N, C-alpha and C. Protein backbone atom coordinates (compact mmCIF):
# COMPACT_ATOMS: atom_id res chain seq x y z
N MET A 1 -136.29 15.52 -20.21
CA MET A 1 -137.15 16.67 -20.01
C MET A 1 -137.20 16.97 -18.52
N ASN A 2 -136.97 18.23 -18.17
CA ASN A 2 -137.02 18.57 -16.76
C ASN A 2 -138.45 18.86 -16.33
N VAL A 3 -138.65 19.04 -15.03
CA VAL A 3 -139.99 19.23 -14.47
C VAL A 3 -140.65 20.49 -15.03
N LEU A 4 -139.90 21.58 -15.17
CA LEU A 4 -140.48 22.81 -15.70
C LEU A 4 -140.96 22.63 -17.13
N GLN A 5 -140.18 21.91 -17.93
CA GLN A 5 -140.58 21.68 -19.31
C GLN A 5 -141.82 20.78 -19.38
N GLN A 6 -141.89 19.78 -18.48
CA GLN A 6 -143.06 18.90 -18.47
C GLN A 6 -144.32 19.69 -18.15
N HIS A 7 -144.25 20.54 -17.15
CA HIS A 7 -145.42 21.30 -16.74
C HIS A 7 -145.77 22.38 -17.76
N ALA A 8 -144.78 22.88 -18.45
CA ALA A 8 -145.05 23.93 -19.44
C ALA A 8 -145.46 23.34 -20.78
N GLY A 9 -145.37 22.02 -20.91
CA GLY A 9 -145.77 21.37 -22.15
C GLY A 9 -144.72 21.47 -23.25
N HIS A 10 -143.47 21.74 -22.90
CA HIS A 10 -142.40 21.86 -23.87
C HIS A 10 -141.64 20.54 -23.98
N SER A 11 -141.21 20.23 -25.16
CA SER A 11 -140.37 19.05 -25.32
C SER A 11 -138.92 19.47 -25.13
N SER A 12 -138.07 18.51 -24.86
CA SER A 12 -136.66 18.81 -24.64
C SER A 12 -135.91 18.97 -25.95
N ALA A 13 -136.49 18.53 -27.05
CA ALA A 13 -135.81 18.64 -28.33
C ALA A 13 -135.98 20.05 -28.90
N ALA A 14 -134.86 20.70 -29.12
CA ALA A 14 -134.90 22.03 -29.72
C ALA A 14 -135.14 21.86 -31.22
N PRO A 15 -135.83 22.82 -31.82
CA PRO A 15 -136.04 22.72 -33.26
C PRO A 15 -134.70 22.80 -33.99
N ALA A 16 -134.62 22.08 -35.09
CA ALA A 16 -133.39 22.10 -35.89
C ALA A 16 -133.18 23.51 -36.44
N PRO A 17 -131.94 23.96 -36.47
CA PRO A 17 -131.70 25.29 -37.02
C PRO A 17 -132.03 25.34 -38.51
N ARG A 18 -132.37 26.52 -38.96
CA ARG A 18 -132.61 26.71 -40.39
C ARG A 18 -131.27 26.69 -41.11
N ALA A 19 -131.26 27.05 -42.35
CA ALA A 19 -130.05 27.04 -43.17
C ALA A 19 -128.93 27.88 -42.56
N ARG A 20 -127.74 27.57 -42.94
CA ARG A 20 -126.59 28.40 -42.55
C ARG A 20 -126.54 29.61 -43.47
N VAL A 21 -126.20 30.73 -42.87
CA VAL A 21 -126.06 31.98 -43.61
C VAL A 21 -124.70 32.58 -43.24
N VAL A 22 -123.91 32.89 -44.25
CA VAL A 22 -122.66 33.61 -44.01
C VAL A 22 -122.94 35.09 -44.24
N ILE A 23 -122.59 35.91 -43.26
CA ILE A 23 -122.68 37.36 -43.38
C ILE A 23 -121.24 37.86 -43.46
N ALA A 24 -120.93 38.60 -44.52
CA ALA A 24 -119.55 39.01 -44.76
C ALA A 24 -119.44 40.51 -45.01
N LYS A 25 -118.32 41.05 -44.58
CA LYS A 25 -117.97 42.46 -44.78
C LYS A 25 -116.73 42.52 -45.67
N PRO A 26 -116.92 42.63 -46.98
CA PRO A 26 -115.77 42.66 -47.88
C PRO A 26 -115.10 44.03 -47.94
N GLY A 27 -113.84 43.99 -48.30
CA GLY A 27 -113.11 45.22 -48.58
C GLY A 27 -112.65 45.98 -47.36
N LEU A 28 -112.38 47.24 -47.58
CA LEU A 28 -111.78 48.08 -46.55
C LEU A 28 -112.80 48.78 -45.66
N ASP A 29 -114.06 48.57 -45.93
CA ASP A 29 -115.11 49.19 -45.13
C ASP A 29 -115.01 48.70 -43.69
N GLY A 30 -114.95 49.61 -42.75
CA GLY A 30 -114.79 49.25 -41.34
C GLY A 30 -116.03 49.39 -40.51
N HIS A 31 -117.18 49.58 -41.14
CA HIS A 31 -118.43 49.78 -40.40
C HIS A 31 -119.26 48.51 -40.49
N ASP A 32 -119.49 47.84 -39.36
CA ASP A 32 -120.21 46.57 -39.43
C ASP A 32 -121.44 46.50 -38.54
N ARG A 33 -121.90 47.62 -38.03
CA ARG A 33 -123.09 47.59 -37.16
C ARG A 33 -124.29 46.97 -37.88
N GLY A 34 -124.55 47.40 -39.11
CA GLY A 34 -125.68 46.85 -39.86
C GLY A 34 -125.56 45.36 -40.09
N ALA A 35 -124.37 44.91 -40.43
CA ALA A 35 -124.16 43.47 -40.65
C ALA A 35 -124.43 42.69 -39.37
N LYS A 36 -124.01 43.24 -38.24
CA LYS A 36 -124.25 42.56 -36.96
C LYS A 36 -125.73 42.56 -36.59
N VAL A 37 -126.43 43.62 -36.91
CA VAL A 37 -127.88 43.67 -36.65
C VAL A 37 -128.59 42.60 -37.47
N ILE A 38 -128.22 42.49 -38.75
CA ILE A 38 -128.84 41.48 -39.62
C ILE A 38 -128.48 40.07 -39.14
N ALA A 39 -127.22 39.87 -38.78
CA ALA A 39 -126.80 38.56 -38.26
C ALA A 39 -127.64 38.18 -37.05
N ARG A 40 -127.84 39.12 -36.15
CA ARG A 40 -128.62 38.84 -34.94
C ARG A 40 -130.08 38.54 -35.28
N ALA A 41 -130.65 39.32 -36.19
CA ALA A 41 -132.05 39.09 -36.59
C ALA A 41 -132.22 37.71 -37.21
N LEU A 42 -131.27 37.30 -38.04
CA LEU A 42 -131.36 35.97 -38.65
C LEU A 42 -131.16 34.87 -37.61
N ARG A 43 -130.26 35.09 -36.67
CA ARG A 43 -130.09 34.12 -35.57
C ARG A 43 -131.39 34.00 -34.78
N ASP A 44 -131.98 35.14 -34.46
CA ASP A 44 -133.24 35.13 -33.70
C ASP A 44 -134.35 34.41 -34.46
N ALA A 45 -134.26 34.42 -35.80
CA ALA A 45 -135.25 33.73 -36.63
C ALA A 45 -134.92 32.25 -36.81
N GLY A 46 -133.83 31.80 -36.19
CA GLY A 46 -133.50 30.38 -36.23
C GLY A 46 -132.40 29.98 -37.19
N TYR A 47 -131.82 30.93 -37.89
CA TYR A 47 -130.75 30.60 -38.82
C TYR A 47 -129.44 30.42 -38.07
N GLU A 48 -128.58 29.58 -38.61
CA GLU A 48 -127.23 29.45 -38.10
C GLU A 48 -126.39 30.45 -38.88
N VAL A 49 -125.90 31.48 -38.20
CA VAL A 49 -125.22 32.58 -38.87
C VAL A 49 -123.72 32.53 -38.58
N ILE A 50 -122.94 32.64 -39.63
CA ILE A 50 -121.50 32.73 -39.52
C ILE A 50 -121.12 34.13 -39.97
N TYR A 51 -120.61 34.94 -39.06
CA TYR A 51 -120.19 36.30 -39.39
C TYR A 51 -118.68 36.30 -39.59
N THR A 52 -118.22 36.77 -40.74
CA THR A 52 -116.81 36.68 -41.09
C THR A 52 -115.95 37.75 -40.45
N GLY A 53 -116.54 38.83 -40.00
CA GLY A 53 -115.76 39.95 -39.50
C GLY A 53 -115.41 40.90 -40.62
N LEU A 54 -114.65 41.92 -40.28
CA LEU A 54 -114.31 43.00 -41.20
C LEU A 54 -113.17 42.62 -42.15
N HIS A 55 -113.10 43.39 -43.23
CA HIS A 55 -111.95 43.39 -44.16
C HIS A 55 -111.70 42.05 -44.84
N GLN A 56 -112.75 41.39 -45.27
CA GLN A 56 -112.62 40.10 -45.93
C GLN A 56 -112.44 40.27 -47.43
N THR A 57 -111.58 39.46 -48.00
CA THR A 57 -111.42 39.44 -49.46
C THR A 57 -112.50 38.54 -50.05
N PRO A 58 -112.82 38.70 -51.32
CA PRO A 58 -113.77 37.77 -51.95
C PRO A 58 -113.32 36.31 -51.80
N GLU A 59 -112.02 36.08 -51.88
CA GLU A 59 -111.50 34.71 -51.73
C GLU A 59 -111.78 34.16 -50.33
N GLN A 60 -111.58 34.99 -49.32
CA GLN A 60 -111.86 34.56 -47.94
C GLN A 60 -113.35 34.29 -47.74
N ILE A 61 -114.16 35.14 -48.31
CA ILE A 61 -115.61 34.99 -48.17
C ILE A 61 -116.07 33.69 -48.81
N VAL A 62 -115.64 33.44 -50.02
CA VAL A 62 -116.05 32.21 -50.72
C VAL A 62 -115.50 30.98 -49.99
N ALA A 63 -114.29 31.06 -49.49
CA ALA A 63 -113.73 29.93 -48.72
C ALA A 63 -114.59 29.64 -47.49
N THR A 64 -115.09 30.68 -46.84
CA THR A 64 -115.96 30.48 -45.68
C THR A 64 -117.28 29.85 -46.09
N VAL A 65 -117.87 30.34 -47.17
CA VAL A 65 -119.14 29.77 -47.66
C VAL A 65 -118.96 28.28 -47.95
N ILE A 66 -117.87 27.93 -48.60
CA ILE A 66 -117.61 26.52 -48.95
C ILE A 66 -117.36 25.70 -47.69
N ALA A 67 -116.50 26.21 -46.80
CA ALA A 67 -116.16 25.46 -45.58
C ALA A 67 -117.38 25.25 -44.69
N GLU A 68 -118.26 26.22 -44.66
CA GLU A 68 -119.45 26.14 -43.80
C GLU A 68 -120.64 25.49 -44.51
N ASP A 69 -120.48 25.18 -45.80
CA ASP A 69 -121.56 24.60 -46.59
C ASP A 69 -122.83 25.45 -46.46
N ALA A 70 -122.66 26.76 -46.62
CA ALA A 70 -123.76 27.70 -46.45
C ALA A 70 -124.47 27.96 -47.78
N PRO A 71 -125.77 27.77 -47.82
CA PRO A 71 -126.51 28.01 -49.05
C PRO A 71 -126.88 29.47 -49.28
N ILE A 72 -126.65 30.32 -48.27
CA ILE A 72 -127.01 31.73 -48.38
C ILE A 72 -125.84 32.59 -47.93
N LEU A 73 -125.55 33.63 -48.71
CA LEU A 73 -124.48 34.58 -48.40
C LEU A 73 -125.05 35.98 -48.39
N GLY A 74 -124.80 36.69 -47.31
CA GLY A 74 -125.17 38.09 -47.22
C GLY A 74 -123.91 38.94 -47.23
N LEU A 75 -123.83 39.88 -48.16
CA LEU A 75 -122.69 40.78 -48.26
C LEU A 75 -123.13 42.18 -47.86
N SER A 76 -122.41 42.77 -46.94
CA SER A 76 -122.68 44.14 -46.51
C SER A 76 -121.57 45.02 -47.05
N VAL A 77 -121.93 45.94 -47.96
CA VAL A 77 -120.93 46.77 -48.63
C VAL A 77 -121.33 48.24 -48.51
N LEU A 78 -120.49 48.99 -47.84
CA LEU A 78 -120.74 50.42 -47.69
C LEU A 78 -119.67 51.25 -48.40
N SER A 79 -118.71 50.61 -49.01
CA SER A 79 -117.55 51.30 -49.56
C SER A 79 -117.74 51.84 -50.97
N GLY A 80 -118.80 51.43 -51.65
CA GLY A 80 -118.99 51.83 -53.04
C GLY A 80 -118.41 50.85 -54.03
N ALA A 81 -117.76 49.82 -53.56
CA ALA A 81 -117.13 48.83 -54.44
C ALA A 81 -118.01 47.61 -54.67
N HIS A 82 -119.31 47.75 -54.45
CA HIS A 82 -120.23 46.61 -54.49
C HIS A 82 -120.23 45.88 -55.84
N LEU A 83 -120.20 46.61 -56.96
CA LEU A 83 -120.25 45.93 -58.25
C LEU A 83 -119.02 45.05 -58.48
N THR A 84 -117.87 45.59 -58.19
CA THR A 84 -116.62 44.84 -58.36
C THR A 84 -116.55 43.65 -57.41
N ILE A 85 -116.87 43.88 -56.15
CA ILE A 85 -116.77 42.82 -55.14
C ILE A 85 -117.77 41.70 -55.42
N VAL A 86 -119.00 42.08 -55.70
CA VAL A 86 -120.03 41.05 -55.94
C VAL A 86 -119.69 40.24 -57.19
N GLN A 87 -119.23 40.90 -58.25
CA GLN A 87 -118.85 40.17 -59.46
C GLN A 87 -117.76 39.15 -59.16
N ARG A 88 -116.77 39.55 -58.39
CA ARG A 88 -115.67 38.64 -58.04
C ARG A 88 -116.17 37.47 -57.19
N VAL A 89 -117.02 37.74 -56.21
CA VAL A 89 -117.57 36.68 -55.37
C VAL A 89 -118.36 35.69 -56.22
N ILE A 90 -119.17 36.18 -57.13
CA ILE A 90 -119.95 35.30 -57.99
C ILE A 90 -119.04 34.44 -58.87
N GLU A 91 -117.99 35.04 -59.42
CA GLU A 91 -117.03 34.28 -60.22
C GLU A 91 -116.37 33.17 -59.40
N LEU A 92 -115.96 33.51 -58.19
CA LEU A 92 -115.30 32.53 -57.33
C LEU A 92 -116.26 31.41 -56.90
N LEU A 93 -117.51 31.76 -56.61
CA LEU A 93 -118.49 30.73 -56.27
C LEU A 93 -118.68 29.77 -57.45
N ALA A 94 -118.77 30.32 -58.65
CA ALA A 94 -118.93 29.46 -59.83
C ALA A 94 -117.72 28.56 -60.01
N ARG A 95 -116.54 29.09 -59.79
CA ARG A 95 -115.30 28.31 -59.91
C ARG A 95 -115.27 27.17 -58.90
N GLU A 96 -115.89 27.37 -57.74
CA GLU A 96 -115.93 26.36 -56.69
C GLU A 96 -117.16 25.46 -56.79
N ASP A 97 -117.86 25.52 -57.93
CA ASP A 97 -119.07 24.73 -58.16
C ASP A 97 -120.13 25.04 -57.10
N ALA A 98 -120.23 26.32 -56.74
CA ALA A 98 -121.21 26.75 -55.74
C ALA A 98 -122.05 27.91 -56.27
N ALA A 99 -122.32 27.90 -57.56
CA ALA A 99 -123.10 28.97 -58.18
C ALA A 99 -124.54 28.99 -57.69
N ASP A 100 -124.97 27.94 -57.00
CA ASP A 100 -126.34 27.89 -56.48
C ASP A 100 -126.50 28.60 -55.13
N VAL A 101 -125.42 29.13 -54.58
CA VAL A 101 -125.52 29.89 -53.33
C VAL A 101 -126.35 31.13 -53.60
N ARG A 102 -127.32 31.37 -52.74
CA ARG A 102 -128.19 32.54 -52.86
C ARG A 102 -127.48 33.74 -52.24
N ILE A 103 -127.54 34.88 -52.92
CA ILE A 103 -126.78 36.05 -52.48
C ILE A 103 -127.69 37.23 -52.19
N LEU A 104 -127.51 37.78 -50.99
CA LEU A 104 -128.18 39.01 -50.57
C LEU A 104 -127.11 40.08 -50.43
N VAL A 105 -127.40 41.29 -50.87
CA VAL A 105 -126.46 42.39 -50.74
C VAL A 105 -127.16 43.53 -50.03
N GLY A 106 -126.47 44.09 -49.06
CA GLY A 106 -127.01 45.25 -48.36
C GLY A 106 -125.96 46.32 -48.22
N GLY A 107 -126.41 47.54 -48.07
CA GLY A 107 -125.49 48.64 -47.87
C GLY A 107 -125.86 49.86 -48.65
N ILE A 108 -124.87 50.69 -48.88
CA ILE A 108 -125.08 51.92 -49.63
C ILE A 108 -125.01 51.56 -51.12
N ILE A 109 -126.15 51.25 -51.68
CA ILE A 109 -126.23 50.82 -53.07
C ILE A 109 -127.09 51.83 -53.82
N PRO A 110 -126.52 52.54 -54.78
CA PRO A 110 -127.33 53.47 -55.57
C PRO A 110 -128.44 52.72 -56.32
N ASP A 111 -129.58 53.37 -56.47
CA ASP A 111 -130.71 52.74 -57.16
C ASP A 111 -130.31 52.21 -58.54
N ALA A 112 -129.46 52.96 -59.23
CA ALA A 112 -129.05 52.55 -60.58
C ALA A 112 -128.25 51.25 -60.57
N ASP A 113 -127.65 50.89 -59.45
CA ASP A 113 -126.83 49.67 -59.39
C ASP A 113 -127.63 48.44 -58.96
N VAL A 114 -128.83 48.63 -58.47
CA VAL A 114 -129.63 47.48 -58.01
C VAL A 114 -129.89 46.53 -59.17
N SER A 115 -130.32 47.04 -60.31
CA SER A 115 -130.61 46.15 -61.44
C SER A 115 -129.33 45.49 -61.97
N ALA A 116 -128.20 46.19 -61.90
CA ALA A 116 -126.92 45.59 -62.32
C ALA A 116 -126.57 44.42 -61.42
N LEU A 117 -126.76 44.57 -60.12
CA LEU A 117 -126.49 43.48 -59.18
C LEU A 117 -127.42 42.30 -59.43
N GLU A 118 -128.69 42.60 -59.66
CA GLU A 118 -129.65 41.53 -59.94
C GLU A 118 -129.30 40.81 -61.24
N ALA A 119 -128.84 41.56 -62.23
CA ALA A 119 -128.44 40.94 -63.51
C ALA A 119 -127.22 40.03 -63.33
N MET A 120 -126.37 40.33 -62.35
CA MET A 120 -125.21 39.48 -62.06
C MET A 120 -125.65 38.17 -61.40
N GLY A 121 -126.83 38.17 -60.78
CA GLY A 121 -127.29 36.97 -60.10
C GLY A 121 -127.60 37.17 -58.63
N VAL A 122 -127.54 38.40 -58.14
CA VAL A 122 -127.89 38.67 -56.74
C VAL A 122 -129.39 38.47 -56.58
N ASP A 123 -129.78 37.81 -55.51
CA ASP A 123 -131.18 37.48 -55.29
C ASP A 123 -131.99 38.62 -54.68
N ALA A 124 -131.34 39.46 -53.88
CA ALA A 124 -132.05 40.59 -53.26
C ALA A 124 -131.03 41.64 -52.84
N VAL A 125 -131.46 42.90 -52.94
CA VAL A 125 -130.62 44.03 -52.55
C VAL A 125 -131.39 44.86 -51.53
N PHE A 126 -130.72 45.18 -50.44
CA PHE A 126 -131.33 45.98 -49.37
C PHE A 126 -130.50 47.24 -49.15
N THR A 127 -131.18 48.36 -49.14
CA THR A 127 -130.52 49.65 -48.94
C THR A 127 -130.86 50.19 -47.56
N PRO A 128 -130.20 51.27 -47.15
CA PRO A 128 -130.47 51.81 -45.81
C PRO A 128 -131.97 52.02 -45.57
N GLY A 129 -132.39 51.66 -44.39
CA GLY A 129 -133.79 51.78 -44.02
C GLY A 129 -134.62 50.55 -44.33
N ALA A 130 -134.01 49.54 -44.92
CA ALA A 130 -134.74 48.30 -45.23
C ALA A 130 -135.28 47.70 -43.93
N ASP A 131 -136.48 47.17 -44.01
CA ASP A 131 -137.13 46.56 -42.86
C ASP A 131 -136.47 45.22 -42.54
N ILE A 132 -136.03 45.06 -41.32
CA ILE A 132 -135.35 43.82 -40.91
C ILE A 132 -136.27 42.62 -41.09
N ARG A 133 -137.55 42.78 -40.78
CA ARG A 133 -138.48 41.66 -40.99
C ARG A 133 -138.54 41.26 -42.46
N GLY A 134 -138.45 42.24 -43.35
CA GLY A 134 -138.44 41.96 -44.78
C GLY A 134 -137.20 41.19 -45.19
N ILE A 135 -136.08 41.53 -44.57
CA ILE A 135 -134.84 40.80 -44.86
C ILE A 135 -134.97 39.35 -44.41
N VAL A 136 -135.52 39.15 -43.23
CA VAL A 136 -135.72 37.79 -42.73
C VAL A 136 -136.70 37.03 -43.62
N LYS A 137 -137.79 37.68 -44.04
CA LYS A 137 -138.77 37.02 -44.92
C LYS A 137 -138.14 36.65 -46.26
N THR A 138 -137.31 37.53 -46.79
CA THR A 138 -136.63 37.22 -48.05
C THR A 138 -135.70 36.03 -47.86
N THR A 139 -134.98 36.00 -46.75
CA THR A 139 -134.10 34.88 -46.46
C THR A 139 -134.92 33.60 -46.32
N ASP A 140 -136.06 33.68 -45.66
CA ASP A 140 -136.95 32.52 -45.55
C ASP A 140 -137.36 32.02 -46.94
N ARG A 141 -137.74 32.95 -47.80
CA ARG A 141 -138.19 32.58 -49.15
C ARG A 141 -137.05 31.92 -49.94
N LEU A 142 -135.87 32.51 -49.87
CA LEU A 142 -134.72 31.93 -50.60
C LEU A 142 -134.33 30.57 -50.04
N SER A 143 -134.39 30.43 -48.73
CA SER A 143 -134.05 29.16 -48.10
C SER A 143 -135.07 28.09 -48.48
N ALA A 144 -136.35 28.45 -48.45
CA ALA A 144 -137.40 27.49 -48.81
C ALA A 144 -137.28 27.09 -50.28
N ALA A 145 -137.01 28.06 -51.15
CA ALA A 145 -136.88 27.76 -52.58
C ALA A 145 -135.70 26.83 -52.81
N ARG A 146 -134.61 27.06 -52.11
CA ARG A 146 -133.42 26.20 -52.26
C ARG A 146 -133.72 24.80 -51.73
N MET A 147 -134.43 24.70 -50.62
CA MET A 147 -134.77 23.39 -50.07
C MET A 147 -135.66 22.61 -51.03
N ASN A 148 -136.58 23.30 -51.69
CA ASN A 148 -137.45 22.65 -52.67
C ASN A 148 -136.65 22.10 -53.84
N VAL A 149 -135.64 22.84 -54.28
CA VAL A 149 -134.79 22.38 -55.38
C VAL A 149 -133.99 21.16 -54.94
N VAL A 150 -133.43 21.20 -53.73
CA VAL A 150 -132.63 20.08 -53.22
C VAL A 150 -133.52 18.84 -53.07
N GLU A 151 -134.73 19.01 -52.50
CA GLU A 151 -135.62 17.87 -52.32
C GLU A 151 -136.05 17.26 -53.64
N SER A 152 -136.30 18.08 -54.64
CA SER A 152 -136.74 17.55 -55.93
C SER A 152 -135.60 16.84 -56.65
N ALA A 153 -134.36 17.17 -56.32
CA ALA A 153 -133.21 16.51 -56.94
C ALA A 153 -132.92 15.16 -56.30
N CYS A 154 -133.47 14.92 -55.13
CA CYS A 154 -133.20 13.65 -54.41
C CYS A 154 -134.05 12.52 -54.92
């Protein structure tokens, strides 16, 4: 602990990061400003965020989730292919024995498709104008719920 930390009453140990979150941009959609804003907000909230970059296939996304051992996946889809992409990602997660990964979807999602995504197993859907604090709170809730399940299994 340095002198400034001693006088300020801070310990030298940084708090452990929260869960890992993969933020992915599937398909041909080339607009990622929203995904980067969400990634930054989650980082600021203490999450370890892995951003995949643009033009990811469902296979690449799931491989990243598995490699990073991330319990939460955020998909940003503006292309209109959200139903097809999300279904494929969910199938691949199940095939990799990772069906317990919590999934958030954001983007241009018609109201009529929100219930279809939820029926597939998506935990939350965010459309344009969604409050960033609400997205972080939802991620907190999903992370806490997953931690409770893991702890009870131990």
